[in-house]
Amino acid sequence: MARVRADVLTRANVVLIGFSVIALGVFASNFFRVIGIDQASASIASQLILVLLLLGWTGSYLFRVFTGRMTFVEQRKRYLEAYEKLTSTELQARFESMTQEEQISLLKDLENE
């Protein structure tokens, strides 16, 4: 029931992602200069790549929000399913431990409601 996710965002992972984004920007800028683009255009092109990545990430986040596939929603759904299964099993055990007369009485009471 308790599943551990491998991609949990710890502080170290967030710092690593930040440095990776900075490194990607520096690499892109240097790459564009190496292939013959001047400094200003290379900087603009590398910024454009980073902005497009940011917009893609934001778009994927908004997609998950609108489709209800957020982590919290998924966790809540799994919790409710496990709770209902446990409750159903417990109620079934209680019902089976009753005598035949008590079961019939309970069923009649439920039908009257």
Protein backbone atom coordinates (compact mmCIF):
# COMPACT_ATOMS: atom_id res chain seq x y z
CA MET A 1 0.00 0.00 0.00
CA ALA A 2 2.82 2.43 0.75
CA ARG A 3 4.57 3.09 -2.53
CA VAL A 4 7.71 5.20 -2.50
CA ARG A 5 8.33 7.42 -5.49
CA ALA A 6 11.86 7.59 -6.83
CA ASP A 7 11.45 11.13 -8.18
CA VAL A 8 10.73 12.94 -4.92
CA LEU A 9 11.88 16.54 -5.05
CA THR A 10 14.27 17.04 -2.17
CA ARG A 11 16.20 20.26 -1.70
CA ALA A 12 19.27 18.64 -3.21
CA ASN A 13 17.30 17.59 -6.29
CA VAL A 14 15.88 21.10 -6.71
CA VAL A 15 19.38 22.61 -6.49
CA LEU A 16 20.62 20.02 -9.00
CA ILE A 17 17.77 20.89 -11.39
CA GLY A 18 18.59 24.60 -11.03
CA PHE A 19 22.26 24.04 -11.83
CA SER A 20 21.27 21.82 -14.76
CA VAL A 21 19.09 24.57 -16.23
CA ILE A 22 21.92 27.10 -15.83
CA ALA A 23 24.37 24.66 -17.43
CA LEU A 24 21.95 24.07 -20.30
CA GLY A 25 21.72 27.81 -20.93
CA VAL A 26 25.51 28.22 -20.89
CA PHE A 27 25.96 25.18 -23.15
CA ALA A 28 23.34 26.43 -25.62
CA SER A 29 24.88 29.91 -25.74
CA ASN A 30 28.38 28.50 -26.32
CA PHE A 31 27.06 26.04 -28.90
CA PHE A 32 25.43 28.81 -30.92
CA ARG A 33 28.63 30.88 -30.79
CA VAL A 34 30.69 27.87 -31.96
CA ILE A 35 28.48 27.35 -35.00
CA GLY A 36 29.06 30.97 -36.04
CA ILE A 37 26.29 33.03 -34.46
CA ASP A 38 27.34 36.31 -32.82
CA GLN A 39 27.23 36.76 -29.03
CA ALA A 40 23.97 38.71 -28.84
CA SER A 41 22.06 36.35 -31.13
CA ALA A 42 23.50 33.29 -29.35
CA SER A 43 22.30 34.64 -25.99
CA ILE A 44 18.85 35.37 -27.37
CA ALA A 45 18.62 31.90 -28.94
CA SER A 46 19.67 30.16 -25.71
CA GLN A 47 17.14 32.22 -23.74
CA LEU A 48 14.47 31.27 -26.26
CA ILE A 49 15.26 27.57 -25.72
CA LEU A 50 15.00 27.98 -21.93
CA VAL A 51 11.72 29.92 -22.21
CA LEU A 52 10.26 27.24 -24.50
CA LEU A 53 11.27 24.54 -22.00
CA LEU A 54 9.67 26.55 -19.19
CA LEU A 55 6.46 26.99 -21.20
CA GLY A 56 6.40 23.26 -21.99
CA TRP A 57 6.84 22.37 -18.32
CA THR A 58 4.13 24.84 -17.28
CA GLY A 59 1.82 23.47 -19.98
CA SER A 60 2.32 19.91 -18.74
CA TYR A 61 1.57 21.06 -15.19
CA LEU A 62 -1.63 22.81 -16.25
CA PHE A 63 -2.65 19.72 -18.24
CA ARG A 64 -2.27 17.57 -15.11
CA VAL A 65 -4.25 20.13 -13.09
CA PHE A 66 -7.17 20.24 -15.52
CA THR A 67 -7.27 16.46 -16.05
CA GLY A 68 -7.13 15.77 -12.30
CA ARG A 69 -3.90 13.77 -12.47
CA MET A 70 -2.11 15.66 -9.73
CA THR A 71 -0.13 13.75 -7.12
CA PHE A 72 -2.50 14.71 -4.29
CA VAL A 73 -5.57 13.59 -6.24
CA GLU A 74 -3.95 10.25 -7.07
CA GLN A 75 -2.89 9.71 -3.44
CA ARG A 76 -6.38 10.55 -2.19
CA LYS A 77 -7.96 8.15 -4.68
CA ARG A 78 -5.64 5.30 -3.59
CA TYR A 79 -6.34 6.07 0.08
CA LEU A 80 -10.11 6.05 -0.41
CA GLU A 81 -9.99 2.76 -2.34
CA ALA A 82 -7.91 1.11 0.42
CA TYR A 83 -10.22 2.53 3.11
CA GLU A 84 -13.37 1.31 1.36
CA LYS A 85 -11.85 -2.15 0.87
CA LEU A 86 -10.86 -2.37 4.55
CA THR A 87 -14.26 -1.10 5.69
CA SER A 88 -16.13 -3.51 3.41
CA THR A 89 -14.06 -6.44 4.67
CA GLU A 90 -14.67 -5.45 8.29
CA LEU A 91 -18.43 -5.00 7.76
CA GLN A 92 -18.64 -8.34 5.93
CA ALA A 93 -16.86 -10.05 8.84
CA ARG A 94 -19.23 -8.46 11.36
CA PHE A 95 -22.27 -9.45 9.28
CA GLU A 96 -21.07 -13.05 9.01
CA SER A 97 -20.47 -13.24 12.77
CA MET A 98 -24.16 -12.42 13.43
CA THR A 99 -26.73 -15.08 13.95
CA GLN A 100 -29.22 -15.86 11.18
CA GLU A 101 -32.01 -14.00 13.02
CA GLU A 102 -29.86 -10.90 13.54
CA GLN A 103 -28.91 -10.88 9.85
CA ILE A 104 -32.54 -11.11 8.76
CA SER A 105 -33.55 -8.37 11.22
CA LEU A 106 -30.78 -6.09 9.98
CA LEU A 107 -31.70 -6.68 6.31
CA LYS A 108 -35.36 -5.93 7.04
CA ASP A 109 -34.40 -2.72 8.84
CA LEU A 110 -32.30 -1.66 5.86
CA GLU A 111 -35.13 -2.39 3.45
CA ASN A 112 -37.52 -0.27 5.52
CA GLU A 113 -35.18 2.71 5.38
